[in-house]
PDB file of N, CA and C in Angstrom:
ATOM      1  N   MET A   1      40.538  29.760  53.426  1.00  0.00           N
ATOM      2  CA  MET A   1      40.295  30.404  53.992  1.00  0.00           C
ATOM      3  C   MET A   1      38.816  30.750  53.888  1.00  0.00           C
ATOM      4  N   LEU A   2      38.513  30.639  52.586  1.00  0.00           N
ATOM      5  CA  LEU A   2      37.180  30.243  52.166  1.00  0.00           C
ATOM      6  C   LEU A   2      36.543  29.412  52.555  1.00  0.00           C
ATOM      7  N   GLU A   3      34.962  28.635  53.107  1.00  0.00           N
ATOM      8  CA  GLU A   3      34.524  27.883  53.422  1.00  0.00           C
ATOM      9  C   GLU A   3      34.666  26.932  51.754  1.00  0.00           C
ATOM     10  N   LEU A   4      33.926  25.530  52.227  1.00  0.00           N
ATOM     11  CA  LEU A   4      33.895  24.599  50.804  1.00  0.00           C
ATOM     12  C   LEU A   4      32.578  25.215  50.583  1.00  0.00           C
ATOM     13  N   GLU A   5      31.215  25.391  51.462  1.00  0.00           N
ATOM     14  CA  GLU A   5      29.875  25.143  51.359  1.00  0.00           C
ATOM     15  C   GLU A   5      29.996  26.540  50.540  1.00  0.00           C
ATOM     16  N   ILE A   6      30.177  28.012  50.636  1.00  0.00           N
ATOM     17  CA  ILE A   6      30.502  28.690  50.208  1.00  0.00           C
ATOM     18  C   ILE A   6      30.691  28.606  48.601  1.00  0.00           C
ATOM     19  N   ILE A   7      31.589  28.899  48.347  1.00  0.00           N
ATOM     20  CA  ILE A   7      32.554  28.317  47.642  1.00  0.00           C
ATOM     21  C   ILE A   7      31.481  27.070  46.358  1.00  0.00           C
ATOM     22  N   ARG A   8      30.724  25.835  47.094  1.00  0.00           N
ATOM     23  CA  ARG A   8      30.035  25.000  46.584  1.00  0.00           C
ATOM     24  C   ARG A   8      28.807  25.562  46.118  1.00  0.00           C
ATOM     25  N   GLN A   9      28.741  26.379  47.252  1.00  0.00           N
ATOM     26  CA  GLN A   9      27.219  27.272  46.146  1.00  0.00           C
ATOM     27  C   GLN A   9      27.736  28.707  45.004  1.00  0.00           C
ATOM     28  N   GLN A  10      28.329  29.242  44.924  1.00  0.00           N
ATOM     29  CA  GLN A  10      28.843  29.906  44.215  1.00  0.00           C
ATOM     30  C   GLN A  10      28.645  28.837  43.068  1.00  0.00           C
ATOM     31  N   CYS A  11      29.539  27.863  42.822  1.00  0.00           N
ATOM     32  CA  CYS A  11      29.515  27.021  41.371  1.00  0.00           C
ATOM     33  C   CYS A  11      28.458  26.517  41.574  1.00  0.00           C
ATOM     34  N   ARG A  12      27.023  26.769  42.152  1.00  0.00           N
ATOM     35  CA  ARG A  12      25.965  26.010  42.505  1.00  0.00           C
ATOM     36  C   ARG A  12      26.284  24.639  42.274  1.00  0.00           C
ATOM     37  N   LEU A  13      26.499  24.267  43.307  1.00  0.00           N
ATOM     38  CA  LEU A  13      27.331  22.086  43.077  1.00  0.00           C
ATOM     39  C   LEU A  13      25.869  22.168  44.779  1.00  0.00           C
ATOM     40  N   GLU A  14      25.290  20.972  44.666  1.00  0.00           N
ATOM     41  CA  GLU A  14      24.732  20.678  45.271  1.00  0.00           C
ATOM     42  C   GLU A  14      25.801  20.411  47.167  1.00  0.00           C
ATOM     43  N   PRO A  15      25.223  20.930  48.193  1.00  0.00           N
ATOM     44  CA  PRO A  15      25.858  20.770  49.357  1.00  0.00           C
ATOM     45  C   PRO A  15      26.894  19.615  49.062  1.00  0.00           C
ATOM     46  N   ASP A  16      26.562  18.606  49.326  1.00  0.00           N
ATOM     47  CA  ASP A  16      26.623  17.133  49.923  1.00  0.00           C
ATOM     48  C   ASP A  16      27.574  16.458  48.459  1.00  0.00           C
ATOM     49  N   ASP A  17      28.228  17.021  47.288  1.00  0.00           N
ATOM     50  CA  ASP A  17      28.815  16.990  46.012  1.00  0.00           C
ATOM     51  C   ASP A  17      30.064  17.421  46.158  1.00  0.00           C
ATOM     52  N   THR A  18      31.045  16.692  47.224  1.00  0.00           N
ATOM     53  CA  THR A  18      32.434  16.543  47.474  1.00  0.00           C
ATOM     54  C   THR A  18      33.041  16.317  46.215  1.00  0.00           C
ATOM     55  N   ASP A  19      32.505  16.021  45.324  1.00  0.00           N
ATOM     56  CA  ASP A  19      33.643  15.373  44.041  1.00  0.00           C
ATOM     57  C   ASP A  19      34.945  16.266  43.802  1.00  0.00           C
ATOM     58  N   GLU A  20      34.567  17.614  43.624  1.00  0.00           N
ATOM     59  CA  GLU A  20      35.519  18.885  42.965  1.00  0.00           C
ATOM     60  C   GLU A  20      36.280  19.350  44.197  1.00  0.00           C
ATOM     61  N   ASP A  21      36.061  18.992  45.245  1.00  0.00           N
ATOM     62  CA  ASP A  21      36.068  19.641  46.572  1.00  0.00           C
ATOM     63  C   ASP A  21      37.482  20.074  46.132  1.00  0.00           C
ATOM     64  N   ALA A  22      38.115  19.013  46.141  1.00  0.00           N
ATOM     65  CA  ALA A  22      40.478  18.931  45.698  1.00  0.00           C
ATOM     66  C   ALA A  22      40.397  20.749  44.655  1.00  0.00           C
ATOM     67  N   LEU A  23      39.982  20.474  43.799  1.00  0.00           N
ATOM     68  CA  LEU A  23      39.222  21.864  42.441  1.00  0.00           C
ATOM     69  C   LEU A  23      39.271  22.925  43.387  1.00  0.00           C
ATOM     70  N   LEU A  24      38.398  22.749  44.276  1.00  0.00           N
ATOM     71  CA  LEU A  24      37.700  23.916  44.582  1.00  0.00           C
ATOM     72  C   LEU A  24      38.610  24.428  45.398  1.00  0.00           C
ATOM     73  N   GLU A  25      38.768  23.704  46.291  1.00  0.00           N
ATOM     74  CA  GLU A  25      40.319  24.175  47.142  1.00  0.00           C
ATOM     75  C   GLU A  25      41.398  24.518  46.800  1.00  0.00           C
ATOM     76  N   THR A  26      42.063  24.424  45.622  1.00  0.00           N
ATOM     77  CA  THR A  26      42.685  24.659  44.517  1.00  0.00           C
ATOM     78  C   THR A  26      43.028  26.135  43.727  1.00  0.00           C
ATOM     79  N   TYR A  27      41.459  26.571  43.794  1.00  0.00           N
ATOM     80  CA  TYR A  27      40.880  27.338  43.230  1.00  0.00           C
ATOM     81  C   TYR A  27      40.968  28.322  44.201  1.00  0.00           C
ATOM     82  N   ALA A  28      40.392  28.158  45.229  1.00  0.00           N
ATOM     83  CA  ALA A  28      40.210  28.978  46.446  1.00  0.00           C
ATOM     84  C   ALA A  28      41.982  29.602  46.492  1.00  0.00           C
ATOM     85  N   THR A  29      42.964  28.826  46.739  1.00  0.00           N
ATOM     86  CA  THR A  29      44.194  29.328  47.201  1.00  0.00           C
ATOM     87  C   THR A  29      44.405  29.876  46.080  1.00  0.00           C
ATOM     88  N   ALA A  30      44.472  30.091  44.741  1.00  0.00           N
ATOM     89  CA  ALA A  30      45.309  30.439  43.694  1.00  0.00           C
ATOM     90  C   ALA A  30      44.577  32.085  43.872  1.00  0.00           C
ATOM     91  N   ALA A  31      42.595  32.432  44.204  1.00  0.00           N
ATOM     92  CA  ALA A  31      42.439  33.551  44.395  1.00  0.00           C
ATOM     93  C   ALA A  31      42.817  34.377  45.383  1.00  0.00           C
ATOM     94  N   GLN A  32      43.092  33.383  46.168  1.00  0.00           N
ATOM     95  CA  GLN A  32      43.399  34.412  47.417  1.00  0.00           C
ATOM     96  C   GLN A  32      44.728  34.855  46.797  1.00  0.00           C
ATOM     97  N   ARG A  33      45.789  34.076  46.586  1.00  0.00           N
ATOM     98  CA  ARG A  33      47.082  34.612  46.243  1.00  0.00           C
ATOM     99  C   ARG A  33      46.768  35.441  44.837  1.00  0.00           C
ATOM    100  N   LEU A  34      45.876  35.906  44.296  1.00  0.00           N
ATOM    101  CA  LEU A  34      45.909  36.478  43.112  1.00  0.00           C
ATOM    102  C   LEU A  34      45.387  37.783  44.203  1.00  0.00           C
ATOM    103  N   VAL A  35      44.880  37.938  44.922  1.00  0.00           N
ATOM    104  CA  VAL A  35      44.366  39.704  45.599  1.00  0.00           C
ATOM    105  C   VAL A  35      45.124  39.650  46.372  1.00  0.00           C
ATOM    106  N   GLU A  36      46.036  38.771  47.152  1.00  0.00           N
ATOM    107  CA  GLU A  36      47.445  39.207  47.731  1.00  0.00           C
ATOM    108  C   GLU A  36      48.230  39.630  46.643  1.00  0.00           C
ATOM    109  N   ASN A  37      48.382  39.512  45.332  1.00  0.00           N
ATOM    110  CA  ASN A  37      49.494  39.391  44.348  1.00  0.00           C
ATOM    111  C   ASN A  37      48.828  41.551  43.971  1.00  0.00           C
ATOM    112  N   GLN A  38      47.752  41.288  43.542  1.00  0.00           N
ATOM    113  CA  GLN A  38      46.701  42.416  42.822  1.00  0.00           C
ATOM    114  C   GLN A  38      47.116  43.487  44.269  1.00  0.00           C
ATOM    115  N   THR A  39      46.609  43.463  45.139  1.00  0.00           N
ATOM    116  CA  THR A  39      47.082  44.471  46.058  1.00  0.00           C
ATOM    117  C   THR A  39      48.873  44.449  46.987  1.00  0.00           C
ATOM    118  N   GLY A  40      49.001  43.659  46.476  1.00  0.00           N
ATOM    119  CA  GLY A  40      50.278  43.980  47.629  1.00  0.00           C
ATOM    120  C   GLY A  40      50.583  44.059  48.538  1.00  0.00           C
ATOM    121  N   ARG A  41      49.183  43.063  49.515  1.00  0.00           N
ATOM    122  CA  ARG A  41      48.716  43.562  50.807  1.00  0.00           C
ATOM    123  C   ARG A  41      49.137  41.904  50.928  1.00  0.00           C
ATOM    124  N   THR A  42      49.221  40.969  52.245  1.00  0.00           N
ATOM    125  CA  THR A  42      48.510  39.910  52.800  1.00  0.00           C
ATOM    126  C   THR A  42      48.075  39.678  53.292  1.00  0.00           C
ATOM    127  N   LEU A  43      46.391  38.923  53.173  1.00  0.00           N
ATOM    128  CA  LEU A  43      45.176  38.230  53.208  1.00  0.00           C
ATOM    129  C   LEU A  43      45.195  37.320  54.226  1.00  0.00           C
ATOM    130  N   TYR A  44      44.258  37.666  55.167  1.00  0.00           N
ATOM    131  CA  TYR A  44      43.809  36.966  56.808  1.00  0.00           C
ATOM    132  C   TYR A  44      42.424  36.811  56.766  1.00  0.00           C
ATOM    133  N   ALA A  45      42.191  36.181  57.197  1.00  0.00           N
ATOM    134  CA  ALA A  45      41.020  35.508  57.197  1.00  0.00           C
ATOM    135  C   ALA A  45      40.196  36.525  58.579  1.00  0.00           C
ATOM    136  N   THR A  46      40.868  36.583  59.683  1.00  0.00           N
ATOM    137  CA  THR A  46      40.457  37.904  60.936  1.00  0.00           C
ATOM    138  C   THR A  46      41.402  38.810  61.290  1.00  0.00           C
ATOM    139  N   GLU A  47      41.460  39.579  61.665  1.00  0.00           N
ATOM    140  CA  GLU A  47      41.824  40.730  62.695  1.00  0.00           C
ATOM    141  C   GLU A  47      42.816  39.747  63.812  1.00  0.00           C
ATOM    142  N   GLY A  48      42.386  38.604  64.211  1.00  0.00           N
ATOM    143  CA  GLY A  48      43.239  38.013  65.332  1.00  0.00           C
ATOM    144  C   GLY A  48      44.516  37.004  64.842  1.00  0.00           C
ATOM    145  N   GLU A  49      44.078  37.006  63.445  1.00  0.00           N
ATOM    146  CA  GLU A  49      45.281  36.265  62.828  1.00  0.00           C
ATOM    147  C   GLU A  49      46.520  36.680  62.073  1.00  0.00           C
ATOM    148  N   ILE A  50      46.205  38.606  62.291  1.00  0.00           N
ATOM    149  CA  ILE A  50      47.850  39.200  61.886  1.00  0.00           C
ATOM    150  C   ILE A  50      48.456  39.454  62.989  1.00  0.00           C
ATOM    151  N   PRO A  51      49.729  38.777  62.986  1.00  0.00           N
ATOM    152  CA  PRO A  51      50.626  38.728  63.667  1.00  0.00           C
ATOM    153  C   PRO A  51      51.220  40.344  64.235  1.00  0.00           C
ATOM    154  N   VAL A  52      51.350  39.625  65.233  1.00  0.00           N
ATOM    155  CA  VAL A  52      51.852  41.022  66.448  1.00  0.00           C
ATOM    156  C   VAL A  52      52.770  40.951  67.185  1.00  0.00           C
ATOM    157  N   ASP A  53      53.622  41.724  67.784  1.00  0.00           N
ATOM    158  CA  ASP A  53      55.233  42.156  68.048  1.00  0.00           C
ATOM    159  C   ASP A  53      55.033  41.971  69.640  1.00  0.00           C
ATOM    160  N   ALA A  54      55.456  40.223  70.045  1.00  0.00           N
ATOM    161  CA  ALA A  54      55.634  40.111  71.923  1.00  0.00           C
ATOM    162  C   ALA A  54      55.574  40.921  72.623  1.00  0.00           C
ATOM    163  N   GLU A  55      56.195  42.329  72.137  1.00  0.00           N
ATOM    164  CA  GLU A  55      56.596  42.304  73.205  1.00  0.00           C
ATOM    165  C   GLU A  55      55.582  44.165  73.498  1.00  0.00           C
ATOM    166  N   THR A  56      55.191  44.301  72.520  1.00  0.00           N
ATOM    167  CA  THR A  56      54.457  45.706  72.349  1.00  0.00           C
ATOM    168  C   THR A  56      52.676  45.411  71.290  1.00  0.00           C
ATOM    169  N   GLY A  57      52.755  44.340  71.444  1.00  0.00           N
ATOM    170  CA  GLY A  57      50.989  43.759  70.900  1.00  0.00           C
ATOM    171  C   GLY A  57      51.150  45.154  69.630  1.00  0.00           C
ATOM    172  N   GLU A  58      51.480  45.209  69.042  1.00  0.00           N
ATOM    173  CA  GLU A  58      51.297  45.942  67.432  1.00  0.00           C
ATOM    174  C   GLU A  58      51.550  45.205  66.377  1.00  0.00           C
ATOM    175  N   PRO A  59      50.545  45.010  65.555  1.00  0.00           N
ATOM    176  CA  PRO A  59      50.604  44.231  64.262  1.00  0.00           C
ATOM    177  C   PRO A  59      52.307  44.711  63.544  1.00  0.00           C
ATOM    178  N   THR A  60      52.674  43.206  63.412  1.00  0.00           N
ATOM    179  CA  THR A  60      54.026  43.741  62.404  1.00  0.00           C
ATOM    180  C   THR A  60      53.864  43.324  61.285  1.00  0.00           C
ATOM    181  N   ASP A  61      52.614  43.236  60.592  1.00  0.00           N
ATOM    182  CA  ASP A  61      52.345  43.746  58.859  1.00  0.00           C
ATOM    183  C   ASP A  61      51.851  44.510  58.739  1.00  0.00           C
ATOM    184  N   GLU A  62      52.062  46.118  59.370  1.00  0.00           N
ATOM    185  CA  GLU A  62      51.601  47.172  58.200  1.00  0.00           C
ATOM    186  C   GLU A  62      50.396  47.096  57.544  1.00  0.00           C
ATOM    187  N   HIS A  63      50.947  46.872  56.219  1.00  0.00           N
ATOM    188  CA  HIS A  63      50.017  46.672  55.296  1.00  0.00           C
ATOM    189  C   HIS A  63      49.312  45.020  55.060  1.00  0.00           C
ATOM    190  N   ALA A  64      48.695  44.752  56.343  1.00  0.00           N
ATOM    191  CA  ALA A  64      48.128  43.499  56.683  1.00  0.00           C
ATOM    192  C   ALA A  64      46.519  43.608  55.718  1.00  0.00           C
ATOM    193  N   LEU A  65      45.845  42.391  55.375  1.00  0.00           N
ATOM    194  CA  LEU A  65      44.528  43.212  54.104  1.00  0.00           C
ATOM    195  C   LEU A  65      43.548  42.092  55.640  1.00  0.00           C
ATOM    196  N   VAL A  66      42.277  42.052  56.233  1.00  0.00           N
ATOM    197  CA  VAL A  66      41.548  41.281  56.150  1.00  0.00           C
ATOM    198  C   VAL A  66      40.152  41.085  55.010  1.00  0.00           C
ATOM    199  N   LEU A  67      39.904  39.802  55.428  1.00  0.00           N
ATOM    200  CA  LEU A  67      38.653  39.382  54.293  1.00  0.00           C
ATOM    201  C   LEU A  67      38.129  40.318  54.926  1.00  0.00           C
ATOM    202  N   ASP A  68      37.024  40.562  54.064  1.00  0.00           N
ATOM    203  CA  ASP A  68      35.726  40.659  54.348  1.00  0.00           C
ATOM    204  C   ASP A  68      34.514  40.970  52.915  1.00  0.00           C
ATOM    205  N   ASP A  69      33.668  41.549  53.016  1.00  0.00           N
ATOM    206  CA  ASP A  69      32.907  40.769  51.877  1.00  0.00           C
ATOM    207  C   ASP A  69      33.212  41.350  50.435  1.00  0.00           C
ATOM    208  N   ASP A  70      33.720  42.345  50.539  1.00  0.00           N
ATOM    209  CA  ASP A  70      34.369  42.756  49.223  1.00  0.00           C
ATOM    210  C   ASP A  70      35.638  41.718  48.294  1.00  0.00           C
ATOM    211  N   LEU A  71      36.806  41.692  49.412  1.00  0.00           N
ATOM    212  CA  LEU A  71      37.206  40.530  48.663  1.00  0.00           C
ATOM    213  C   LEU A  71      36.506  38.938  48.202  1.00  0.00           C
ATOM    214  N   THR A  72      35.407  39.022  49.218  1.00  0.00           N
ATOM    215  CA  THR A  72      35.323  37.743  50.082  1.00  0.00           C
ATOM    216  C   THR A  72      34.705  37.757  48.213  1.00  0.00           C
ATOM    217  N   THR A  73      33.763  38.104  48.205  1.00  0.00           N
ATOM    218  CA  THR A  73      32.530  38.589  46.720  1.00  0.00           C
ATOM    219  C   THR A  73      33.986  38.014  45.635  1.00  0.00           C
ATOM    220  N   ALA A  74      35.040  38.647  45.367  1.00  0.00           N
ATOM    221  CA  ALA A  74      36.323  38.924  44.471  1.00  0.00           C
ATOM    222  C   ALA A  74      36.608  37.401  44.235  1.00  0.00           C
ATOM    223  N   MET A  75      36.776  37.123  45.522  1.00  0.00           N
ATOM    224  CA  MET A  75      37.475  35.436  45.422  1.00  0.00           C
ATOM    225  C   MET A  75      36.588  34.692  45.030  1.00  0.00           C
ATOM    226  N   LEU A  76      34.937  34.646  44.911  1.00  0.00           N
ATOM    227  CA  LEU A  76      34.179  33.474  44.608  1.00  0.00           C
ATOM    228  C   LEU A  76      33.889  33.867  43.197  1.00  0.00           C
ATOM    229  N   LEU A  77      33.908  35.238  42.714  1.00  0.00           N
ATOM    230  CA  LEU A  77      33.541  35.635  41.101  1.00  0.00           C
ATOM    231  C   LEU A  77      34.421  34.855  40.651  1.00  0.00           C
ATOM    232  N   LEU A  78      36.173  34.583  40.801  1.00  0.00           N
ATOM    233  CA  LEU A  78      37.491  33.699  40.249  1.00  0.00           C
ATOM    234  C   LEU A  78      36.640  32.410  40.829  1.00  0.00           C
ATOM    235  N   ILE A  79      36.811  31.974  41.424  1.00  0.00           N
ATOM    236  CA  ILE A  79      36.257  30.838  41.539  1.00  0.00           C
ATOM    237  C   ILE A  79      35.348  30.353  41.037  1.00  0.00           C
ATOM    238  N   GLY A  80      34.116  30.930  40.998  1.00  0.00           N
ATOM    239  CA  GLY A  80      33.503  30.631  39.839  1.00  0.00           C
ATOM    240  C   GLY A  80      33.334  30.723  37.972  1.00  0.00           C
ATOM    241  N   HIS A  81      34.605  31.989  37.642  1.00  0.00           N
ATOM    242  CA  HIS A  81      35.110  31.547  37.045  1.00  0.00           C
ATOM    243  C   HIS A  81      35.850  30.515  35.950  1.00  0.00           C
ATOM    244  N   TRP A  82      36.711  30.196  37.383  1.00  0.00           N
ATOM    245  CA  TRP A  82      37.899  29.292  37.237  1.00  0.00           C
ATOM    246  C   TRP A  82      37.018  27.772  36.522  1.00  0.00           C
ATOM    247  N   PHE A  83      35.822  27.775  37.429  1.00  0.00           N
ATOM    248  CA  PHE A  83      35.434  26.414  37.622  1.00  0.00           C
ATOM    249  C   PHE A  83      34.404  26.536  36.264  1.00  0.00           C
ATOM    250  N   GLU A  84      34.162  26.963  35.944  1.00  0.00           N
ATOM    251  CA  GLU A  84      32.680  27.116  34.233  1.00  0.00           C
ATOM    252  C   GLU A  84      33.799  27.750  33.360  1.00  0.00           C
ATOM    253  N   ASN A  85      34.956  27.855  33.171  1.00  0.00           N
ATOM    254  CA  ASN A  85      35.731  28.077  32.127  1.00  0.00           C
ATOM    255  C   ASN A  85      37.715  27.270  32.743  1.00  0.00           C
ATOM    256  N   ARG A  86      37.493  26.133  32.237  1.00  0.00           N
ATOM    257  CA  ARG A  86      38.641  25.561  33.121  1.00  0.00           C
ATOM    258  C   ARG A  86      39.907  25.305  31.780  1.00  0.00           C
ATOM    259  N   GLU A  87      39.871  26.234  31.176  1.00  0.00           N
ATOM    260  CA  GLU A  87      40.683  26.279  29.940  1.00  0.00           C
ATOM    261  C   GLU A  87      41.215  27.874  30.290  1.00  0.00           C
ATOM    262  N   ALA A  88      42.716  28.436  29.842  1.00  0.00           N
ATOM    263  CA  ALA A  88      42.605  29.533  30.037  1.00  0.00           C
ATOM    264  C   ALA A  88      42.395  30.915  28.239  1.00  0.00           C
ATOM    265  N   VAL A  89      41.660  30.091  27.396  1.00  0.00           N
ATOM    266  CA  VAL A  89      41.168  31.075  26.724  1.00  0.00           C
ATOM    267  C   VAL A  89      39.725  30.339  26.162  1.00  0.00           C
ATOM    268  N   VAL A  90      39.025  30.475  25.892  1.00  0.00           N
ATOM    269  CA  VAL A  90      37.277  30.114  25.532  1.00  0.00           C
ATOM    270  C   VAL A  90      37.712  30.886  23.931  1.00  0.00           C
ATOM    271  N   ILE A  91      37.846  30.441  23.099  1.00  0.00           N
ATOM    272  CA  ILE A  91      37.418  30.543  21.565  1.00  0.00           C
ATOM    273  C   ILE A  91      36.099  31.012  21.835  1.00  0.00           C
ATOM    274  N   GLY A  92      36.109  31.998  20.699  1.00  0.00           N
ATOM    275  CA  GLY A  92      34.731  32.692  20.041  1.00  0.00           C
ATOM    276  C   GLY A  92      33.821  33.908  21.809  1.00  0.00           C
ATOM    277  N   THR A  93      34.875  34.185  22.168  1.00  0.00           N
ATOM    278  CA  THR A  93      34.444  35.431  23.390  1.00  0.00           C
ATOM    279  C   THR A  93      35.394  35.961  23.403  1.00  0.00           C
ATOM    280  N   ILE A  94      34.726  37.101  24.200  1.00  0.00           N
ATOM    281  CA  ILE A  94      36.133  38.492  24.488  1.00  0.00           C
ATOM    282  C   ILE A  94      36.494  38.001  25.253  1.00  0.00           C
ATOM    283  N   THR A  95      37.750  37.673  26.039  1.00  0.00           N
ATOM    284  CA  THR A  95      37.908  37.696  27.618  1.00  0.00           C
ATOM    285  C   THR A  95      39.426  38.592  27.883  1.00  0.00           C
ATOM    286  N   SER A  96      38.713  38.815  28.873  1.00  0.00           N
ATOM    287  CA  SER A  96      40.100  39.649  30.089  1.00  0.00           C
ATOM    288  C   SER A  96      40.586  38.685  31.129  1.00  0.00           C
ATOM    289  N   GLU A  97      42.235  39.499  31.234  1.00  0.00           N
ATOM    290  CA  GLU A  97      42.689  38.999  32.372  1.00  0.00           C
ATOM    291  C   GLU A  97      41.892  38.605  33.128  1.00  0.00           C
ATOM    292  N   LEU A  98      40.630  39.873  34.440  1.00  0.00           N
ATOM    293  CA  LEU A  98      40.557  39.243  34.989  1.00  0.00           C
ATOM    294  C   LEU A  98      39.228  39.919  34.696  1.00  0.00           C
ATOM    295  N   PRO A  99      37.880  38.952  35.336  1.00  0.00           N
ATOM    296  CA  PRO A  99      36.802  40.038  35.026  1.00  0.00           C
ATOM    297  C   PRO A  99      35.965  40.912  35.785  1.00  0.00           C
ATOM    298  N   LEU A 100      35.955  41.466  35.331  1.00  0.00           N
ATOM    299  CA  LEU A 100      35.958  43.608  35.413  1.00  0.00           C
ATOM    300  C   LEU A 100      35.335  43.564  36.837  1.00  0.00           C
ATOM    301  N   ALA A 101      34.343  42.884  37.540  1.00  0.00           N
ATOM    302  CA  ALA A 101      34.044  42.637  38.829  1.00  0.00           C
ATOM    303  C   ALA A 101      34.954  42.434  39.891  1.00  0.00           C
ATOM    304  N   VAL A 102      35.512  41.343  39.401  1.00  0.00           N
ATOM    305  CA  VAL A 102      36.765  41.245  40.302  1.00  0.00           C
ATOM    306  C   VAL A 102      37.832  42.460  40.091  1.00  0.00           C
ATOM    307  N   GLU A 103      38.469  43.491  38.945  1.00  0.00           N
ATOM    308  CA  GLU A 103      38.858  44.121  39.629  1.00  0.00           C
ATOM    309  C   GLU A 103      38.585  45.393  40.363  1.00  0.00           C
ATOM    310  N   ALA A 104      37.360  45.575  39.643  1.00  0.00           N
ATOM    311  CA  ALA A 104      36.429  46.355  40.554  1.00  0.00           C
ATOM    312  C   ALA A 104      36.561  46.615  41.819  1.00  0.00           C
ATOM    313  N   LEU A 105      36.703  45.090  42.470  1.00  0.00           N
ATOM    314  CA  LEU A 105      36.150  45.151  43.896  1.00  0.00           C
ATOM    315  C   LEU A 105      37.581  45.149  44.623  1.00  0.00           C
ATOM    316  N   ILE A 106      39.043  44.402  43.980  1.00  0.00           N
ATOM    317  CA  ILE A 106      40.150  44.580  44.478  1.00  0.00           C
ATOM    318  C   ILE A 106      41.077  45.868  44.427  1.00  0.00           C
ATOM    319  N   ALA A 107      40.229  47.133  43.527  1.00  0.00           N
ATOM    320  CA  ALA A 107      41.004  48.109  43.508  1.00  0.00           C
ATOM    321  C   ALA A 107      41.146  48.932  44.154  1.00  0.00           C
ATOM    322  N   PRO A 108      40.158  49.030  45.360  1.00  0.00           N
ATOM    323  CA  PRO A 108      40.411  50.058  46.145  1.00  0.00           C
ATOM    324  C   PRO A 108      41.343  49.474  47.331  1.00  0.00           C
ATOM    325  N   TYR A 109      41.461  48.524  47.505  1.00  0.00           N
ATOM    326  CA  TYR A 109      42.281  47.804  48.431  1.00  0.00           C
ATOM    327  C   TYR A 109      44.200  47.479  47.805  1.00  0.00           C
ATOM    328  N   ARG A 110      44.109  48.103  47.224  1.00  0.00           N
ATOM    329  CA  ARG A 110      46.425  48.149  46.847  1.00  0.00           C
ATOM    330  C   ARG A 110      46.612  49.181  46.910  1.00  0.00           C
ATOM    331  N   HIS A 111      48.140  48.546  47.403  1.00  0.00           N
ATOM    332  CA  HIS A 111      48.806  49.119  47.959  1.00  0.00           C
ATOM    333  C   HIS A 111      49.571  49.734  47.469  1.00  0.00           C
ATOM    334  N   TYR A 112      50.068  50.753  47.244  1.00  0.00           N
ATOM    335  CA  TYR A 112      51.241  51.397  46.042  1.00  0.00           C
ATOM    336  C   TYR A 112      52.078  51.617  46.669  1.00  0.00           C
ATOM    337  N   GLN A 113      53.467  51.115  46.269  1.00  0.00           N
ATOM    338  CA  GLN A 113      55.006  52.062  47.276  1.00  0.00           C
ATOM    339  C   GLN A 113      55.051  52.928  46.307  1.00  0.00           C
ATOM    340  N   ILE A 114      56.129  53.849  46.645  1.00  0.00           N
ATOM    341  CA  ILE A 114      55.937  55.137  46.198  1.00  0.00           C
ATOM    342  C   ILE A 114      57.800  55.290  46.381  1.00  0.00           C
ATOM    343  N   TYR A 115      58.523  54.797  45.325  1.00  0.00           N
ATOM    344  CA  TYR A 115      59.902  55.111  45.756  1.00  0.00           C
ATOM    345  C   TYR A 115      60.767  56.177  45.639  1.00  0.00           C
TER     346      TYR A 115
END
C-alpha cells in the first residue's frame, strides 16, 4: 500500500539500500492491519479499489477507508518506530501501546458500532 521509497525515507535509509526491504514490507503490512483494527474499517489505497455492486455500482463496503495523508503519516510513524525499536520493550524508557501521534491521527477515523 505504501511505496518502499517513502518508507525508506521515513527510516532514513538511502534509496538504493534494499537490504531491509523485506522487513519494511512486513512492517508496512502490520501498520495497515493496525490502522484497520484500530478503526474497525478496511483500508484501501484509492477510491477505485473499493468493491462495488455489479448491478448498482454502489460501494459494497459501507465503512471503506481510503488512504490519505493522516493515515499515511500514522503508518509511517509506526513503521519508523518499529524499525528503530525492534523489541517490544526498551528498558529504561516509558512506553505506550501506540505512539501518541499515531493514536491522534487514527482516532478520527474510528467506526463505532452501537448495539
